[in-house]
C-alpha atoms as a PDB file:
ATOM      1  CA  MET A   1     -12.298   4.838  12.229  1.00  0.00           C
ATOM      2  CA  LYS A   2      -8.715   6.000  12.706  1.00  0.00           C
ATOM      3  CA  PHE A   3      -5.884   3.491  12.770  1.00  0.00           C
ATOM      4  CA  ASP A   4      -5.482   1.679  16.085  1.00  0.00           C
ATOM      5  CA  GLU A   5      -2.108   0.056  16.752  1.00  0.00           C
ATOM      6  CA  ASN A   6      -3.694  -1.906  19.615  1.00  0.00           C
ATOM      7  CA  CYS A   7      -6.470  -3.457  17.527  1.00  0.00           C
ATOM      8  CA  THR A   8      -6.993  -7.182  18.252  1.00  0.00           C
ATOM      9  CA  LYS A   9     -10.312  -7.736  16.481  1.00  0.00           C
ATOM     10  CA  CYS A  10      -8.985 -10.515  14.231  1.00  0.00           C
ATOM     11  CA  ARG A  11      -8.228 -13.343  16.658  1.00  0.00           C
ATOM     12  CA  ARG A  12      -6.244 -15.405  14.146  1.00  0.00           C
ATOM     13  CA  LEU A  13      -4.015 -12.464  13.230  1.00  0.00           C
ATOM     14  CA  ASN A  14      -3.537 -11.423  16.837  1.00  0.00           C
ATOM     15  CA  GLN A  15      -2.511 -14.929  17.849  1.00  0.00           C
ATOM     16  CA  PHE A  16      -0.126 -15.112  14.906  1.00  0.00           C
ATOM     17  CA  LEU A  17       1.495 -11.824  15.917  1.00  0.00           C
ATOM     18  CA  ILE A  18       1.968 -13.109  19.459  1.00  0.00           C
ATOM     19  CA  LYS A  19       3.589 -16.292  18.161  1.00  0.00           C
ATOM     20  CA  THR A  20       5.766 -14.354  15.710  1.00  0.00           C
ATOM     21  CA  LYS A  21       6.946 -12.043  18.503  1.00  0.00           C
ATOM     22  CA  GLU A  22       8.045 -15.095  20.453  1.00  0.00           C
ATOM     23  CA  ASP A  23      10.018 -16.336  17.455  1.00  0.00           C
ATOM     24  CA  PHE A  24      11.421 -12.890  16.604  1.00  0.00           C
ATOM     25  CA  PRO A  25      11.579 -10.800  19.816  1.00  0.00           C
ATOM     26  CA  ASP A  26      13.144  -7.795  18.050  1.00  0.00           C
ATOM     27  CA  TYR A  27      10.395  -7.548  15.434  1.00  0.00           C
ATOM     28  CA  TYR A  28       7.661  -4.898  15.539  1.00  0.00           C
ATOM     29  CA  CYS A  29       4.806  -7.458  15.465  1.00  0.00           C
ATOM     30  CA  LYS A  30       1.890  -5.041  15.775  1.00  0.00           C
ATOM     31  CA  PRO A  31      -0.618  -3.499  13.373  1.00  0.00           C
ATOM     32  CA  VAL A  32       1.415  -1.359  10.966  1.00  0.00           C
ATOM     33  CA  ALA A  33       0.360   2.259  10.573  1.00  0.00           C
ATOM     34  CA  PRO A  34       0.231   4.117   7.246  1.00  0.00           C
ATOM     35  CA  PHE A  35       3.444   5.940   6.371  1.00  0.00           C
ATOM     36  CA  GLY A  36       3.984   9.187   4.529  1.00  0.00           C
ATOM     37  CA  ASP A  37       2.593  12.647   3.925  1.00  0.00           C
ATOM     38  CA  SER A  38      -0.643  13.102   5.874  1.00  0.00           C
ATOM     39  CA  ASN A  39      -1.767  15.630   3.256  1.00  0.00           C
ATOM     40  CA  GLY A  40      -0.565  13.601   0.260  1.00  0.00           C
ATOM     41  CA  HIS A  41      -2.699  13.350  -2.870  1.00  0.00           C
ATOM     42  CA  LEU A  42      -1.510   9.817  -3.687  1.00  0.00           C
ATOM     43  CA  LEU A  43      -2.483   6.866  -1.499  1.00  0.00           C
ATOM     44  CA  ILE A  44      -0.786   3.561  -2.301  1.00  0.00           C
ATOM     45  CA  VAL A  45      -2.611   0.508  -0.962  1.00  0.00           C
ATOM     46  CA  GLY A  46      -0.786  -2.799  -0.581  1.00  0.00           C
ATOM     47  CA  LEU A  47      -1.959  -6.148   0.746  1.00  0.00           C
ATOM     48  CA  ALA A  48      -0.521  -6.637   4.241  1.00  0.00           C
ATOM     49  CA  PRO A  49       2.773  -6.428   6.168  1.00  0.00           C
ATOM     50  CA  GLY A  50       5.395  -9.004   5.200  1.00  0.00           C
ATOM     51  CA  LEU A  51       6.918 -11.255   7.841  1.00  0.00           C
ATOM     52  CA  HIS A  52      10.452  -9.886   7.459  1.00  0.00           C
ATOM     53  CA  GLY A  53       9.334  -6.532   6.064  1.00  0.00           C
ATOM     54  CA  ALA A  54       6.812  -4.174   7.662  1.00  0.00           C
ATOM     55  CA  ASN A  55       6.103  -6.688  10.418  1.00  0.00           C
ATOM     56  CA  LYS A  56       9.776  -6.416  11.350  1.00  0.00           C
ATOM     57  CA  THR A  57      10.344  -2.693  10.837  1.00  0.00           C
ATOM     58  CA  GLY A  58       6.926  -1.133  11.472  1.00  0.00           C
ATOM     59  CA  ARG A  59       6.977   0.731   8.133  1.00  0.00           C
ATOM     60  CA  PRO A  60       5.005  -0.413   5.064  1.00  0.00           C
ATOM     61  CA  PHE A  61       7.102  -2.090   2.349  1.00  0.00           C
ATOM     62  CA  THR A  62      10.311  -1.712   4.350  1.00  0.00           C
ATOM     63  CA  GLY A  63      12.765  -4.516   5.008  1.00  0.00           C
ATOM     64  CA  ASP A  64      11.788  -7.063   2.369  1.00  0.00           C
ATOM     65  CA  TYR A  65      11.942  -7.532  -1.388  1.00  0.00           C
ATOM     66  CA  ALA A  66       8.496  -6.069  -2.116  1.00  0.00           C
ATOM     67  CA  GLY A  67       9.622  -2.565  -1.201  1.00  0.00           C
ATOM     68  CA  ILE A  68      12.644  -2.416  -3.509  1.00  0.00           C
ATOM     69  CA  LEU A  69      10.833  -1.540  -6.742  1.00  0.00           C
ATOM     70  CA  LEU A  70       8.240   0.577  -4.954  1.00  0.00           C
ATOM     71  CA  TYR A  71      10.664   2.942  -3.207  1.00  0.00           C
ATOM     72  CA  GLU A  72      12.978   3.144  -6.228  1.00  0.00           C
ATOM     73  CA  THR A  73      10.024   4.217  -8.331  1.00  0.00           C
ATOM     74  CA  LEU A  74       8.707   6.660  -5.754  1.00  0.00           C
ATOM     75  CA  TYR A  75      12.119   8.308  -5.668  1.00  0.00           C
ATOM     76  CA  GLU A  76      12.461   8.477  -9.451  1.00  0.00           C
ATOM     77  CA  PHE A  77       9.088  10.190  -9.703  1.00  0.00           C
ATOM     78  CA  GLY A  78       9.700  12.637  -6.882  1.00  0.00           C
ATOM     79  CA  PHE A  79       7.476  11.101  -4.216  1.00  0.00           C
ATOM     80  CA  SER A  80      10.317   9.977  -1.925  1.00  0.00           C
ATOM     81  CA  SER A  81      13.457  11.604  -0.561  1.00  0.00           C
ATOM     82  CA  ALA A  82      15.504   8.414  -1.028  1.00  0.00           C
ATOM     83  CA  PRO A  83      15.465   5.357  -3.317  1.00  0.00           C
ATOM     84  CA  GLN A  84      15.630   2.877  -0.439  1.00  0.00           C
ATOM     85  CA  SER A  85      13.561   2.543   2.709  1.00  0.00           C
ATOM     86  CA  ILE A  86      15.621   1.332   5.652  1.00  0.00           C
ATOM     87  CA  ASN A  87      14.349   1.092   9.192  1.00  0.00           C
ATOM     88  CA  ASN A  88      15.218   4.120  11.355  1.00  0.00           C
ATOM     89  CA  ASP A  89      16.368   6.211   8.371  1.00  0.00           C
ATOM     90  CA  GLN A  90      15.267   9.772   7.604  1.00  0.00           C
ATOM     91  CA  LEU A  91      13.295   8.953   4.450  1.00  0.00           C
ATOM     92  CA  GLU A  92      10.266  11.146   3.801  1.00  0.00           C
ATOM     93  CA  LEU A  93       7.426  10.735   1.345  1.00  0.00           C
ATOM     94  CA  ARG A  94       6.203  13.778  -0.572  1.00  0.00           C
ATOM     95  CA  ASP A  95       2.543  14.137  -1.539  1.00  0.00           C
ATOM     96  CA  CYS A  96       2.211  10.388  -1.009  1.00  0.00           C
ATOM     97  CA  LYS A  97       1.198   7.929   1.695  1.00  0.00           C
ATOM     98  CA  ILE A  98       1.506   4.136   1.806  1.00  0.00           C
ATOM     99  CA  THR A  99      -0.870   1.815   3.624  1.00  0.00           C
ATOM    100  CA  ASN A 100      -2.156  -1.760   3.478  1.00  0.00           C
ATOM    101  CA  ALA A 101      -5.595  -3.301   3.120  1.00  0.00           C
ATOM    102  CA  VAL A 102      -4.773  -5.409   6.187  1.00  0.00           C
ATOM    103  CA  LYS A 103      -2.603  -3.841   8.875  1.00  0.00           C
ATOM    104  CA  CYS A 104      -1.435  -7.064  10.578  1.00  0.00           C
ATOM    105  CA  LEU A 105       0.815  -9.836   9.337  1.00  0.00           C
ATOM    106  CA  PRO A 106      -1.316 -12.752   8.047  1.00  0.00           C
ATOM    107  CA  PRO A 107      -0.122 -16.372   8.012  1.00  0.00           C
ATOM    108  CA  ALA A 108       1.369 -17.273   4.608  1.00  0.00           C
ATOM    109  CA  ASN A 109       0.693 -13.659   3.562  1.00  0.00           C
ATOM    110  CA  LYS A 110      -2.957 -14.600   2.955  1.00  0.00           C
ATOM    111  CA  PRO A 111      -5.556 -12.682   4.967  1.00  0.00           C
ATOM    112  CA  LEU A 112      -9.028 -14.159   5.205  1.00  0.00           C
ATOM    113  CA  PRO A 113     -11.964 -12.224   3.685  1.00  0.00           C
ATOM    114  CA  GLU A 114     -13.295 -11.559   7.192  1.00  0.00           C
ATOM    115  CA  GLU A 115      -9.952 -10.063   8.202  1.00  0.00           C
ATOM    116  CA  VAL A 116      -9.898  -7.776   5.172  1.00  0.00           C
ATOM    117  CA  LYS A 117     -13.417  -6.684   6.082  1.00  0.00           C
ATOM    118  CA  ASN A 118     -12.542  -6.081   9.733  1.00  0.00           C
ATOM    119  CA  CYS A 119      -9.624  -3.851   8.734  1.00  0.00           C
ATOM    120  CA  ASN A 120     -11.579  -1.997   6.084  1.00  0.00           C
ATOM    121  CA  LYS A 121     -12.819   0.617   8.542  1.00  0.00           C
ATOM    122  CA  PHE A 122      -9.265   1.919   8.883  1.00  0.00           C
ATOM    123  CA  LEU A 123      -8.755   2.077   5.123  1.00  0.00           C
ATOM    124  CA  ALA A 124     -12.096   3.839   4.727  1.00  0.00           C
ATOM    125  CA  CYS A 125     -10.966   6.523   7.176  1.00  0.00           C
ATOM    126  CA  GLU A 126      -7.689   6.973   5.297  1.00  0.00           C
ATOM    127  CA  ILE A 127      -9.504   7.331   1.974  1.00  0.00           C
ATOM    128  CA  ASN A 128     -12.228   9.613   3.304  1.00  0.00           C
ATOM    129  CA  THR A 129      -9.664  12.050   4.711  1.00  0.00           C
ATOM    130  CA  LEU A 130      -7.699  12.362   1.454  1.00  0.00           C
ATOM    131  CA  PRO A 131      -7.437  15.867  -0.011  1.00  0.00           C
ATOM    132  CA  LYS A 132      -9.615  16.826  -2.961  1.00  0.00           C
ATOM    133  CA  ASN A 133      -8.621  15.377  -6.363  1.00  0.00           C
ATOM    134  CA  SER A 134      -6.567  12.578  -4.835  1.00  0.00           C
ATOM    135  CA  LEU A 135      -5.402   9.399  -6.543  1.00  0.00           C
ATOM    136  CA  ILE A 136      -5.249   5.845  -5.220  1.00  0.00           C
ATOM    137  CA  LEU A 137      -2.913   3.142  -6.484  1.00  0.00           C
ATOM    138  CA  ALA A 138      -4.027  -0.386  -5.626  1.00  0.00           C
ATOM    139  CA  LEU A 139      -1.292  -3.016  -5.668  1.00  0.00           C
ATOM    140  CA  GLY A 140      -3.125  -6.227  -6.480  1.00  0.00           C
ATOM    141  CA  THR A 141      -6.701  -7.457  -6.525  1.00  0.00           C
ATOM    142  CA  ILE A 142      -7.232  -7.624  -2.761  1.00  0.00           C
ATOM    143  CA  ALA A 143      -6.134  -4.008  -2.344  1.00  0.00           C
ATOM    144  CA  HIS A 144      -8.311  -2.997  -5.313  1.00  0.00           C
ATOM    145  CA  ASN A 145     -11.383  -4.666  -3.818  1.00  0.00           C
ATOM    146  CA  ALA A 146     -10.653  -3.255  -0.368  1.00  0.00           C
ATOM    147  CA  VAL A 147     -10.685   0.279  -1.794  1.00  0.00           C
ATOM    148  CA  LEU A 148     -14.050  -0.351  -3.438  1.00  0.00           C
ATOM    149  CA  GLU A 149     -15.455  -1.830  -0.233  1.00  0.00           C
ATOM    150  CA  ALA A 150     -14.226   1.163   1.756  1.00  0.00           C
ATOM    151  CA  LEU A 151     -16.173   3.429  -0.589  1.00  0.00           C
ATOM    152  CA  GLU A 152     -19.188   1.089  -0.692  1.00  0.00           C
ATOM    153  CA  LEU A 153     -18.889   0.666  -4.446  1.00  0.00           C
ATOM    154  CA  LYS A 154     -20.024  -2.349  -6.463  1.00  0.00           C
ATOM    155  CA  LYS A 155     -16.978  -4.418  -7.362  1.00  0.00           C
ATOM    156  CA  SER A 156     -18.434  -5.699 -10.621  1.00  0.00           C
ATOM    157  CA  ASN A 157     -18.448  -2.140 -11.955  1.00  0.00           C
ATOM    158  CA  TYR A 158     -14.684  -1.701 -11.435  1.00  0.00           C
ATOM    159  CA  LYS A 159     -12.736  -4.709 -12.680  1.00  0.00           C
ATOM    160  CA  PHE A 160      -9.106  -5.060 -11.636  1.00  0.00           C
ATOM    161  CA  ALA A 161      -6.546  -5.050 -14.439  1.00  0.00           C
ATOM    162  CA  HIS A 162      -2.969  -3.871 -14.480  1.00  0.00           C
ATOM    163  CA  GLY A 163      -2.868  -0.322 -15.826  1.00  0.00           C
ATOM    164  CA  SER A 164      -6.587   0.296 -15.416  1.00  0.00           C
ATOM    165  CA  ARG A 165      -7.905   3.713 -14.422  1.00  0.00           C
ATOM    166  CA  HIS A 166     -11.250   4.006 -12.638  1.00  0.00           C
ATOM    167  CA  LYS A 167     -13.264   7.100 -11.833  1.00  0.00           C
ATOM    168  CA  LEU A 168     -14.688   6.608  -8.360  1.00  0.00           C
ATOM    169  CA  ILE A 169     -16.793   8.931  -6.226  1.00  0.00           C
ATOM    170  CA  ASN A 170     -15.919  12.351  -4.793  1.00  0.00           C
ATOM    171  CA  GLY A 171     -13.408  13.002  -7.584  1.00  0.00           C
ATOM    172  CA  LEU A 172     -11.176  10.066  -6.610  1.00  0.00           C
ATOM    173  CA  ILE A 173      -9.256   8.208  -9.309  1.00  0.00           C
ATOM    174  CA  LEU A 174      -8.116   4.604  -8.804  1.00  0.00           C
ATOM    175  CA  TYR A 175      -5.198   3.086 -10.697  1.00  0.00           C
ATOM    176  CA  ASP A 176      -4.444  -0.631 -10.643  1.00  0.00           C
ATOM    177  CA  SER A 177      -1.080  -2.388 -10.704  1.00  0.00           C
ATOM    178  CA  TYR A 178       0.140  -5.881 -10.105  1.00  0.00           C
ATOM    179  CA  HIS A 179       1.708  -6.111  -6.654  1.00  0.00           C
ATOM    180  CA  CYS A 180       5.460  -5.469  -6.610  1.00  0.00           C
ATOM    181  CA  SER A 181       6.143  -8.773  -4.866  1.00  0.00           C
ATOM    182  CA  ARG A 182       9.237 -10.900  -5.391  1.00  0.00           C
ATOM    183  CA  TYR A 183       7.187 -13.458  -7.326  1.00  0.00           C
ATOM    184  CA  ASN A 184       5.683 -10.907  -9.713  1.00  0.00           C
ATOM    185  CA  THR A 185       8.937  -9.094 -10.412  1.00  0.00           C
ATOM    186  CA  GLN A 186      11.126 -12.179 -10.757  1.00  0.00           C
ATOM    187  CA  THR A 187       8.669 -13.885 -13.106  1.00  0.00           C
ATOM    188  CA  LYS A 188       8.395 -10.621 -15.105  1.00  0.00           C
ATOM    189  CA  ARG A 189       4.668 -10.466 -14.573  1.00  0.00           C
ATOM    190  CA  LEU A 190       5.517  -6.963 -13.369  1.00  0.00           C
ATOM    191  CA  THR A 191       8.571  -5.279 -14.878  1.00  0.00           C
ATOM    192  CA  LYS A 192      10.169  -2.000 -13.886  1.00  0.00           C
ATOM    193  CA  ASP A 193       8.913  -0.399 -17.111  1.00  0.00           C
ATOM    194  CA  MET A 194       5.374  -1.617 -16.471  1.00  0.00           C
ATOM    195  CA  PHE A 195       5.424  -0.180 -12.962  1.00  0.00           C
ATOM    196  CA  GLN A 196       6.954   3.117 -14.062  1.00  0.00           C
ATOM    197  CA  ASN A 197       4.321   3.490 -16.773  1.00  0.00           C
ATOM    198  CA  ILE A 198       1.665   3.528 -14.054  1.00  0.00           C
ATOM    199  CA  PHE A 199       3.491   6.337 -12.281  1.00  0.00           C
ATOM    200  CA  LYS A 200       3.856   8.295 -15.510  1.00  0.00           C
ATOM    201  CA  LEU A 201       0.069   8.219 -15.769  1.00  0.00           C
ATOM    202  CA  ILE A 202      -0.295   9.231 -12.129  1.00  0.00           C
ATOM    203  CA  VAL A 203       2.109  12.167 -12.485  1.00  0.00           C
ATOM    204  CA  GLN A 204       0.362  13.257 -15.667  1.00  0.00           C
ATOM    205  CA  GLU A 205      -2.973  13.042 -13.861  1.00  0.00           C
ATOM    206  CA  ARG A 206      -1.667  15.239 -11.089  1.00  0.00           C
ATOM    207  CA  GLY A 207      -0.542  17.743 -13.700  1.00  0.00           C
ATOM    208  CA  GLU A 208       2.852  18.129 -12.085  1.00  0.00           C
ATOM    209  CA  ASN A 209       6.313  17.423 -13.365  1.00  0.00           C
ATOM    210  CA  LYS A 210       7.648  15.375 -10.467  1.00  0.00           C
ATOM    211  CA  CYS A 211       9.683  12.901 -12.453  1.00  0.00           C
ATOM    212  CA  HIS A 212      13.477  12.796 -12.116  1.00  0.00           C
ATOM    213  CA  ILE A 213      13.753  10.805 -15.342  1.00  0.00           C
ATOM    214  CA  SER A 214      12.801  11.579 -18.889  1.00  0.00           C
ATOM    215  CA  MET A 215       9.120  11.244 -19.605  1.00  0.00           C
END
């Protein structure tokens, strides 16, 4: 099923968006659509919109700390036209699209399993319409499991681990990374080098020299 910005299936999330809109009238406060190249061969899957990030701006990973490392890295490897994503700018993604496992802001940034499942139909559509020989980058365990659920694959056969590469069905390749959240980057669970190493593998897999920096 294609993305629906008017979806209200998850009552808890819908009520939270209504309350958040009351607190922050200028915020987007709706399901956040995927962003990027509709024909891109790389799909990046995050967790969910952040309160002062995508929920504010309407663009995934834009407006909060989590997007800093992501967009810097996308730019350095040729997937983005700019190293920063700012609301209402002219940034474009090249051969890449960003989405989330859950399209609506969840309380405390923690969606319930039922909410992930409800939203999975949209992710499944996004994955099933990818071009041939596409790659998926899952940022965190929830995103990893959501990708597997969208493809109806057994999760026990594809364990999440930072830097892992999984051959899926229909020629799809899944890479795993820790989420580029403030907590992970500030505690050094995920460093810039660790994140860039994932993209070096992705670029190598694509067989294209898209990197602006020395490989």
